[in-house]
Structure formats: structure tokens, C-alpha cells
PDB file of N, CA and C in Angstrom:
ATOM      1  N   MET A   1       1.024  -1.030   0.097  1.00  0.00           N
ATOM      2  CA  MET A   1       0.055  -0.109  -0.125  1.00  0.00           C
ATOM      3  C   MET A   1       1.061   1.327   0.015  1.00  0.00           C
ATOM      4  N   LYS A   2       1.829   1.042   0.629  1.00  0.00           N
ATOM      5  CA  LYS A   2       3.140   2.613   0.648  1.00  0.00           C
ATOM      6  C   LYS A   2       3.242   2.533  -0.560  1.00  0.00           C
ATOM      7  N   LYS A   3       3.683   1.214  -1.415  1.00  0.00           N
ATOM      8  CA  LYS A   3       4.487   1.737  -2.534  1.00  0.00           C
ATOM      9  C   LYS A   3       3.578   2.408  -3.449  1.00  0.00           C
ATOM     10  N   ILE A   4       2.414   2.406  -3.726  1.00  0.00           N
ATOM     11  CA  ILE A   4       1.506   2.559  -4.559  1.00  0.00           C
ATOM     12  C   ILE A   4       1.405   4.270  -4.081  1.00  0.00           C
ATOM     13  N   PHE A   5       0.876   4.272  -2.936  1.00  0.00           N
ATOM     14  CA  PHE A   5       1.006   5.802  -2.467  1.00  0.00           C
ATOM     15  C   PHE A   5       2.255   6.630  -2.794  1.00  0.00           C
ATOM     16  N   LEU A   6       3.489   5.992  -2.624  1.00  0.00           N
ATOM     17  CA  LEU A   6       4.551   6.987  -3.057  1.00  0.00           C
ATOM     18  C   LEU A   6       4.800   7.061  -4.554  1.00  0.00           C
ATOM     19  N   PHE A   7       4.010   5.749  -5.372  1.00  0.00           N
ATOM     20  CA  PHE A   7       4.406   6.271  -6.746  1.00  0.00           C
ATOM     21  C   PHE A   7       2.939   7.616  -7.378  1.00  0.00           C
ATOM     22  N   VAL A   8       1.639   7.344  -6.603  1.00  0.00           N
ATOM     23  CA  VAL A   8       1.182   7.986  -6.808  1.00  0.00           C
ATOM     24  C   VAL A   8       1.701   9.832  -6.552  1.00  0.00           C
ATOM     25  N   LEU A   9       2.043   9.628  -5.439  1.00  0.00           N
ATOM     26  CA  LEU A   9       2.613  11.099  -4.394  1.00  0.00           C
ATOM     27  C   LEU A   9       3.635  11.366  -6.032  1.00  0.00           C
ATOM     28  N   LEU A  10       4.596  10.407  -6.355  1.00  0.00           N
ATOM     29  CA  LEU A  10       5.422  11.323  -7.144  1.00  0.00           C
ATOM     30  C   LEU A  10       4.921  11.935  -8.616  1.00  0.00           C
ATOM     31  N   LEU A  11       4.086  10.596  -8.702  1.00  0.00           N
ATOM     32  CA  LEU A  11       3.717  10.940 -10.295  1.00  0.00           C
ATOM     33  C   LEU A  11       2.417  12.473 -10.137  1.00  0.00           C
ATOM     34  N   GLY A  12       1.850  12.842  -9.240  1.00  0.00           N
ATOM     35  CA  GLY A  12       1.650  14.221  -8.940  1.00  0.00           C
ATOM     36  C   GLY A  12       2.501  15.045  -9.139  1.00  0.00           C
ATOM     37  N   MET A  13       3.766  15.029  -8.227  1.00  0.00           N
ATOM     38  CA  MET A  13       4.538  15.729  -7.922  1.00  0.00           C
ATOM     39  C   MET A  13       5.337  16.378  -9.765  1.00  0.00           C
ATOM     40  N   ALA A  14       5.236  15.029 -10.634  1.00  0.00           N
ATOM     41  CA  ALA A  14       6.070  15.091 -11.766  1.00  0.00           C
ATOM     42  C   ALA A  14       5.311  15.919 -12.619  1.00  0.00           C
ATOM     43  N   THR A  15       4.200  15.976 -12.471  1.00  0.00           N
ATOM     44  CA  THR A  15       3.119  16.345 -13.105  1.00  0.00           C
ATOM     45  C   THR A  15       2.799  17.730 -13.106  1.00  0.00           C
ATOM     46  N   VAL A  16       3.235  18.439 -11.706  1.00  0.00           N
ATOM     47  CA  VAL A  16       2.929  19.792 -10.885  1.00  0.00           C
ATOM     48  C   VAL A  16       3.536  20.427 -12.456  1.00  0.00           C
ATOM     49  N   GLY A  17       4.643  20.206 -12.877  1.00  0.00           N
ATOM     50  CA  GLY A  17       5.901  21.419 -13.308  1.00  0.00           C
ATOM     51  C   GLY A  17       5.789  21.156 -14.868  1.00  0.00           C
ATOM     52  N   CYS A  18       4.363  20.518 -14.985  1.00  0.00           N
ATOM     53  CA  CYS A  18       4.266  20.891 -16.886  1.00  0.00           C
ATOM     54  C   CYS A  18       3.774  22.045 -17.152  1.00  0.00           C
ATOM     55  N   HIS A  19       3.478  22.830 -16.448  1.00  0.00           N
ATOM     56  CA  HIS A  19       2.396  23.828 -17.444  1.00  0.00           C
ATOM     57  C   HIS A  19       2.996  24.877 -16.772  1.00  0.00           C
ATOM     58  N   THR A  20       4.368  25.844 -17.277  1.00  0.00           N
ATOM     59  CA  THR A  20       5.169  26.453 -16.633  1.00  0.00           C
ATOM     60  C   THR A  20       4.566  27.661 -17.509  1.00  0.00           C
ATOM     61  N   ARG A  21       4.409  28.668 -16.592  1.00  0.00           N
ATOM     62  CA  ARG A  21       4.341  30.281 -17.632  1.00  0.00           C
ATOM     63  C   ARG A  21       5.292  30.921 -18.548  1.00  0.00           C
ATOM     64  N   TYR A  22       5.271  31.534 -19.459  1.00  0.00           N
ATOM     65  CA  TYR A  22       5.981  31.709 -20.186  1.00  0.00           C
ATOM     66  C   TYR A  22       5.539  33.682 -20.301  1.00  0.00           C
ATOM     67  N   LEU A  23       6.515  34.903 -20.127  1.00  0.00           N
ATOM     68  CA  LEU A  23       6.274  36.256 -20.780  1.00  0.00           C
ATOM     69  C   LEU A  23       7.147  36.459 -22.094  1.00  0.00           C
ATOM     70  N   MET A  24       6.298  36.690 -22.896  1.00  0.00           N
ATOM     71  CA  MET A  24       7.520  37.098 -23.994  1.00  0.00           C
ATOM     72  C   MET A  24       7.028  38.868 -23.879  1.00  0.00           C
ATOM     73  N   THR A  25       8.012  39.492 -23.874  1.00  0.00           N
ATOM     74  CA  THR A  25       8.032  41.061 -24.282  1.00  0.00           C
ATOM     75  C   THR A  25       7.905  41.571 -25.125  1.00  0.00           C
ATOM     76  N   LEU A  26       7.314  41.925 -25.916  1.00  0.00           N
ATOM     77  CA  LEU A  26       7.245  42.533 -27.310  1.00  0.00           C
ATOM     78  C   LEU A  26       8.191  43.747 -27.871  1.00  0.00           C
ATOM     79  N   SER A  27       8.661  43.880 -29.170  1.00  0.00           N
ATOM     80  CA  SER A  27       9.593  45.330 -29.391  1.00  0.00           C
ATOM     81  C   SER A  27       8.509  46.393 -29.114  1.00  0.00           C
ATOM     82  N   ASN A  28       7.196  46.571 -29.203  1.00  0.00           N
ATOM     83  CA  ASN A  28       6.497  47.762 -28.460  1.00  0.00           C
ATOM     84  C   ASN A  28       5.645  47.995 -27.163  1.00  0.00           C
ATOM     85  N   GLY A  29       6.440  46.980 -26.004  1.00  0.00           N
ATOM     86  CA  GLY A  29       6.342  47.145 -24.703  1.00  0.00           C
ATOM     87  C   GLY A  29       5.207  46.327 -24.337  1.00  0.00           C
ATOM     88  N   ASN A  30       4.553  46.022 -25.284  1.00  0.00           N
ATOM     89  CA  ASN A  30       3.624  44.694 -25.109  1.00  0.00           C
ATOM     90  C   ASN A  30       3.653  43.349 -24.287  1.00  0.00           C
ATOM     91  N   ARG A  31       3.089  42.657 -23.194  1.00  0.00           N
ATOM     92  CA  ARG A  31       3.659  41.683 -22.590  1.00  0.00           C
ATOM     93  C   ARG A  31       2.124  40.505 -22.803  1.00  0.00           C
ATOM     94  N   ILE A  32       2.936  39.307 -23.321  1.00  0.00           N
ATOM     95  CA  ILE A  32       2.268  38.694 -23.415  1.00  0.00           C
ATOM     96  C   ILE A  32       2.943  37.077 -22.661  1.00  0.00           C
ATOM     97  N   THR A  33       1.728  36.969 -21.188  1.00  0.00           N
ATOM     98  CA  THR A  33       1.988  35.300 -20.566  1.00  0.00           C
ATOM     99  C   THR A  33       1.084  34.502 -21.301  1.00  0.00           C
ATOM    100  N   SER A  34       2.246  32.978 -21.566  1.00  0.00           N
ATOM    101  CA  SER A  34       1.935  31.941 -22.000  1.00  0.00           C
ATOM    102  C   SER A  34       1.920  30.888 -21.186  1.00  0.00           C
ATOM    103  N   VAL A  35       0.597  29.598 -21.773  1.00  0.00           N
ATOM    104  CA  VAL A  35       1.063  28.249 -20.512  1.00  0.00           C
ATOM    105  C   VAL A  35       1.844  27.495 -21.656  1.00  0.00           C
ATOM    106  N   GLY A  36       3.094  27.005 -20.653  1.00  0.00           N
ATOM    107  CA  GLY A  36       3.729  26.244 -21.620  1.00  0.00           C
ATOM    108  C   GLY A  36       4.521  27.136 -22.449  1.00  0.00           C
ATOM    109  N   LYS A  37       6.141  26.686 -23.173  1.00  0.00           N
ATOM    110  CA  LYS A  37       6.800  27.124 -23.455  1.00  0.00           C
ATOM    111  C   LYS A  37       6.015  27.325 -25.172  1.00  0.00           C
ATOM    112  N   PRO A  38       6.211  28.783 -25.529  1.00  0.00           N
ATOM    113  CA  PRO A  38       5.847  28.620 -27.289  1.00  0.00           C
ATOM    114  C   PRO A  38       6.980  27.918 -28.316  1.00  0.00           C
ATOM    115  N   LYS A  39       6.140  27.778 -29.209  1.00  0.00           N
ATOM    116  CA  LYS A  39       6.663  26.873 -30.074  1.00  0.00           C
ATOM    117  C   LYS A  39       7.337  28.110 -31.534  1.00  0.00           C
ATOM    118  N   TYR A  40       8.493  27.377 -32.009  1.00  0.00           N
ATOM    119  CA  TYR A  40       8.659  28.561 -32.819  1.00  0.00           C
ATOM    120  C   TYR A  40       8.862  27.168 -34.418  1.00  0.00           C
ATOM    121  N   GLU A  41       7.592  28.149 -35.628  1.00  0.00           N
ATOM    122  CA  GLU A  41       7.209  27.605 -36.504  1.00  0.00           C
ATOM    123  C   GLU A  41       7.279  29.019 -37.656  1.00  0.00           C
ATOM    124  N   ASN A  42       7.771  28.599 -38.503  1.00  0.00           N
ATOM    125  CA  ASN A  42       8.046  29.514 -39.827  1.00  0.00           C
ATOM    126  C   ASN A  42       8.539  30.873 -39.343  1.00  0.00           C
ATOM    127  N   GLY A  43       8.768  31.011 -38.501  1.00  0.00           N
ATOM    128  CA  GLY A  43       9.273  32.574 -38.384  1.00  0.00           C
ATOM    129  C   GLY A  43       8.263  33.330 -37.780  1.00  0.00           C
ATOM    130  N   LYS A  44       7.328  32.428 -37.010  1.00  0.00           N
ATOM    131  CA  LYS A  44       6.471  32.691 -36.195  1.00  0.00           C
ATOM    132  C   LYS A  44       5.856  31.896 -34.414  1.00  0.00           C
ATOM    133  N   TYR A  45       6.062  32.652 -33.441  1.00  0.00           N
ATOM    134  CA  TYR A  45       6.047  31.662 -32.475  1.00  0.00           C
ATOM    135  C   TYR A  45       4.017  30.956 -32.306  1.00  0.00           C
ATOM    136  N   ARG A  46       3.786  30.125 -32.003  1.00  0.00           N
ATOM    137  CA  ARG A  46       2.798  29.384 -31.475  1.00  0.00           C
ATOM    138  C   ARG A  46       2.874  29.355 -30.085  1.00  0.00           C
ATOM    139  N   TYR A  47       1.809  29.932 -29.274  1.00  0.00           N
ATOM    140  CA  TYR A  47       1.580  29.779 -27.900  1.00  0.00           C
ATOM    141  C   TYR A  47      -0.350  29.752 -27.500  1.00  0.00           C
ATOM    142  N   ILE A  48       0.298  29.067 -26.317  1.00  0.00           N
ATOM    143  CA  ILE A  48      -1.695  29.060 -26.083  1.00  0.00           C
ATOM    144  C   ILE A  48      -1.456  30.235 -24.557  1.00  0.00           C
ATOM    145  N   ASP A  49      -2.507  31.004 -24.899  1.00  0.00           N
ATOM    146  CA  ASP A  49      -2.708  32.354 -23.665  1.00  0.00           C
ATOM    147  C   ASP A  49      -2.834  31.506 -22.976  1.00  0.00           C
ATOM    148  N   ILE A  50      -3.571  32.539 -21.589  1.00  0.00           N
ATOM    149  CA  ILE A  50      -4.108  31.850 -20.554  1.00  0.00           C
ATOM    150  C   ILE A  50      -5.318  31.356 -20.222  1.00  0.00           C
ATOM    151  N   ASN A  51      -6.641  31.848 -21.461  1.00  0.00           N
ATOM    152  CA  ASN A  51      -7.881  31.634 -21.715  1.00  0.00           C
ATOM    153  C   ASN A  51      -7.637  30.411 -22.658  1.00  0.00           C
ATOM    154  N   GLY A  52      -6.465  29.157 -22.984  1.00  0.00           N
ATOM    155  CA  GLY A  52      -6.699  28.235 -23.440  1.00  0.00           C
ATOM    156  C   GLY A  52      -6.665  28.252 -25.071  1.00  0.00           C
ATOM    157  N   GLN A  53      -6.511  29.518 -25.627  1.00  0.00           N
ATOM    158  CA  GLN A  53      -6.393  29.547 -27.018  1.00  0.00           C
ATOM    159  C   GLN A  53      -5.343  29.512 -27.513  1.00  0.00           C
ATOM    160  N   THR A  54      -5.086  29.138 -29.002  1.00  0.00           N
ATOM    161  CA  THR A  54      -3.854  28.910 -29.284  1.00  0.00           C
ATOM    162  C   THR A  54      -3.982  30.387 -30.414  1.00  0.00           C
ATOM    163  N   ASN A  55      -2.581  31.391 -30.573  1.00  0.00           N
ATOM    164  CA  ASN A  55      -2.166  32.372 -31.018  1.00  0.00           C
ATOM    165  C   ASN A  55      -0.981  32.251 -31.857  1.00  0.00           C
ATOM    166  N   TYR A  56      -0.906  33.243 -31.719  1.00  0.00           N
ATOM    167  CA  TYR A  56       0.930  33.246 -33.401  1.00  0.00           C
ATOM    168  C   TYR A  56       1.276  34.739 -32.627  1.00  0.00           C
ATOM    169  N   VAL A  57       2.504  34.827 -33.194  1.00  0.00           N
ATOM    170  CA  VAL A  57       3.392  36.212 -33.188  1.00  0.00           C
ATOM    171  C   VAL A  57       4.192  36.447 -33.340  1.00  0.00           C
ATOM    172  N   SER A  58       4.415  37.191 -34.719  1.00  0.00           N
ATOM    173  CA  SER A  58       5.932  37.362 -35.019  1.00  0.00           C
ATOM    174  C   SER A  58       7.110  36.816 -34.562  1.00  0.00           C
ATOM    175  N   ALA A  59       8.289  36.418 -34.875  1.00  0.00           N
ATOM    176  CA  ALA A  59       9.512  36.047 -34.160  1.00  0.00           C
ATOM    177  C   ALA A  59      10.207  37.467 -33.985  1.00  0.00           C
ATOM    178  N   SER A  60      10.156  38.722 -34.970  1.00  0.00           N
ATOM    179  CA  SER A  60      11.008  39.377 -35.170  1.00  0.00           C
ATOM    180  C   SER A  60      10.535  40.429 -34.230  1.00  0.00           C
ATOM    181  N   SER A  61       9.142  40.617 -34.047  1.00  0.00           N
ATOM    182  CA  SER A  61       8.497  41.465 -32.714  1.00  0.00           C
ATOM    183  C   SER A  61       8.618  40.622 -31.392  1.00  0.00           C
ATOM    184  N   VAL A  62       9.303  39.681 -31.162  1.00  0.00           N
ATOM    185  CA  VAL A  62       9.744  39.374 -29.908  1.00  0.00           C
ATOM    186  C   VAL A  62      10.748  39.483 -29.255  1.00  0.00           C
ATOM    187  N   GLN A  63      10.908  40.496 -28.187  1.00  0.00           N
ATOM    188  CA  GLN A  63      12.226  40.948 -27.287  1.00  0.00           C
ATOM    189  C   GLN A  63      12.704  39.747 -26.553  1.00  0.00           C
ATOM    190  N   THR A  64      11.937  39.507 -25.562  1.00  0.00           N
ATOM    191  CA  THR A  64      12.436  37.981 -24.969  1.00  0.00           C
ATOM    192  C   THR A  64      11.571  37.546 -24.598  1.00  0.00           C
ATOM    193  N   LEU A  65      12.196  36.243 -24.308  1.00  0.00           N
ATOM    194  CA  LEU A  65      11.395  34.867 -23.829  1.00  0.00           C
ATOM    195  C   LEU A  65      11.674  34.411 -22.347  1.00  0.00           C
ATOM    196  N   GLU A  66      11.024  34.610 -21.202  1.00  0.00           N
ATOM    197  CA  GLU A  66      11.671  34.169 -20.175  1.00  0.00           C
ATOM    198  C   GLU A  66      10.121  33.041 -19.251  1.00  0.00           C
ATOM    199  N   PRO A  67      10.922  32.120 -18.615  1.00  0.00           N
ATOM    200  CA  PRO A  67       9.676  31.822 -17.636  1.00  0.00           C
ATOM    201  C   PRO A  67       9.269  32.445 -16.513  1.00  0.00           C
ATOM    202  N   GLN A  68       8.284  32.099 -16.135  1.00  0.00           N
ATOM    203  CA  GLN A  68       8.080  32.718 -15.201  1.00  0.00           C
ATOM    204  C   GLN A  68       8.442  32.435 -14.004  1.00  0.00           C
ATOM    205  N   PRO A  69       8.024  32.809 -12.708  1.00  0.00           N
ATOM    206  CA  PRO A  69       8.687  31.974 -11.321  1.00  0.00           C
ATOM    207  C   PRO A  69       7.590  30.916 -11.099  1.00  0.00           C
ATOM    208  N   ARG A  70       7.582  30.328 -10.415  1.00  0.00           N
ATOM    209  CA  ARG A  70       5.724  29.286  -9.932  1.00  0.00           C
ATOM    210  C   ARG A  70       5.369  30.369  -8.659  1.00  0.00           C
ATOM    211  N   GLY A  71       4.267  30.743  -8.773  1.00  0.00           N
ATOM    212  CA  GLY A  71       3.059  31.550  -8.204  1.00  0.00           C
ATOM    213  C   GLY A  71       3.631  32.976  -8.593  1.00  0.00           C
ATOM    214  N   TYR A  72       4.575  33.578  -9.493  1.00  0.00           N
ATOM    215  CA  TYR A  72       3.989  34.796 -10.031  1.00  0.00           C
ATOM    216  C   TYR A  72       3.023  35.180 -10.601  1.00  0.00           C
ATOM    217  N   THR A  73       2.698  36.300 -10.384  1.00  0.00           N
ATOM    218  CA  THR A  73       1.578  37.033 -11.034  1.00  0.00           C
ATOM    219  C   THR A  73       1.388  38.238 -10.912  1.00  0.00           C
ATOM    220  N   GLU A  74       0.849  38.883 -12.128  1.00  0.00           N
ATOM    221  CA  GLU A  74       1.030  40.632 -12.607  1.00  0.00           C
ATOM    222  C   GLU A  74       0.283  41.037 -11.701  1.00  0.00           C
ATOM    223  N   GLU A  75       0.359  42.216 -11.394  1.00  0.00           N
ATOM    224  CA  GLU A  75      -0.585  43.660 -10.527  1.00  0.00           C
ATOM    225  C   GLU A  75      -1.146  44.190 -11.695  1.00  0.00           C
ATOM    226  N   PRO A  76      -2.448  43.972 -11.860  1.00  0.00           N
ATOM    227  CA  PRO A  76      -3.182  45.376 -12.832  1.00  0.00           C
ATOM    228  C   PRO A  76      -2.471  46.540 -12.641  1.00  0.00           C
ATOM    229  N   PHE A  77      -2.244  47.216 -13.346  1.00  0.00           N
ATOM    230  CA  PHE A  77      -1.923  48.755 -13.570  1.00  0.00           C
ATOM    231  C   PHE A  77      -3.177  49.296 -13.321  1.00  0.00           C
ATOM    232  N   LYS A  78      -2.638  50.228 -11.352  1.00  0.00           N
ATOM    233  CA  LYS A  78      -3.693  51.000 -10.981  1.00  0.00           C
ATOM    234  C   LYS A  78      -2.999  52.274 -10.842  1.00  0.00           C
ATOM    235  N   PRO A  79      -3.411  53.665 -11.494  1.00  0.00           N
ATOM    236  CA  PRO A  79      -2.921  55.353 -11.966  1.00  0.00           C
ATOM    237  C   PRO A  79      -2.640  55.368 -10.458  1.00  0.00           C
ATOM    238  N   SER A  80      -1.924  55.743 -10.028  1.00  0.00           N
ATOM    239  CA  SER A  80      -1.633  56.692  -8.971  1.00  0.00           C
ATOM    240  C   SER A  80      -2.459  58.068  -8.728  1.00  0.00           C
ATOM    241  N   LYS A  81      -2.935  57.886  -7.434  1.00  0.00           N
ATOM    242  CA  LYS A  81      -3.693  59.169  -6.792  1.00  0.00           C
ATOM    243  C   LYS A  81      -3.469  60.359  -6.627  1.00  0.00           C
ATOM    244  N   ARG A  82      -3.823  61.670  -7.216  1.00  0.00           N
ATOM    245  CA  ARG A  82      -2.675  62.480  -7.085  1.00  0.00           C
ATOM    246  C   ARG A  82      -3.671  63.943  -6.202  1.00  0.00           C
TER     247      ARG A  82
END
């Protein structure tokens, strides 16, 4: 029984890291968060956004592509009150 529990626990831990989010910063300053690493195809990056939709962006407009640390969340923009 302990072996089965250990196997299930290890399997669960192994599958947790499969959906790393990546942050793409574009040359115009926009930032796109993708679920999983974007795939390079024919001069474009194919990625799945956080809503589950498949999208494409031109590779020439991508400045940086970096994985996000676990637990990373973007704070919405809040203008300062003066």
C-alpha cells in the first residue's frame, strides 16, 4: 500500500511542473503570458494564452522570452492618485 501511495505522490509531483508560464516581451512594449513554452514555427511563435486559445506572434517582434517563477502573478495597472 505504501508503494502505491509513494508512486501516486511522485507522479503528481512530476506533473505539477508541466505548465510553466512564459512571458514574452514584444518590441512595442506589450507583454504576453503563455501557458507552456511557445513553439517556433515558420518565423512565428505559436503559444497558448491563459484563456486556452492558440495564438501566433511574429518572431521578429519578440524581444525576450523567459519562464516565470512559480507563484508569479502580474498586478493590474493602477494609476497613482494625486
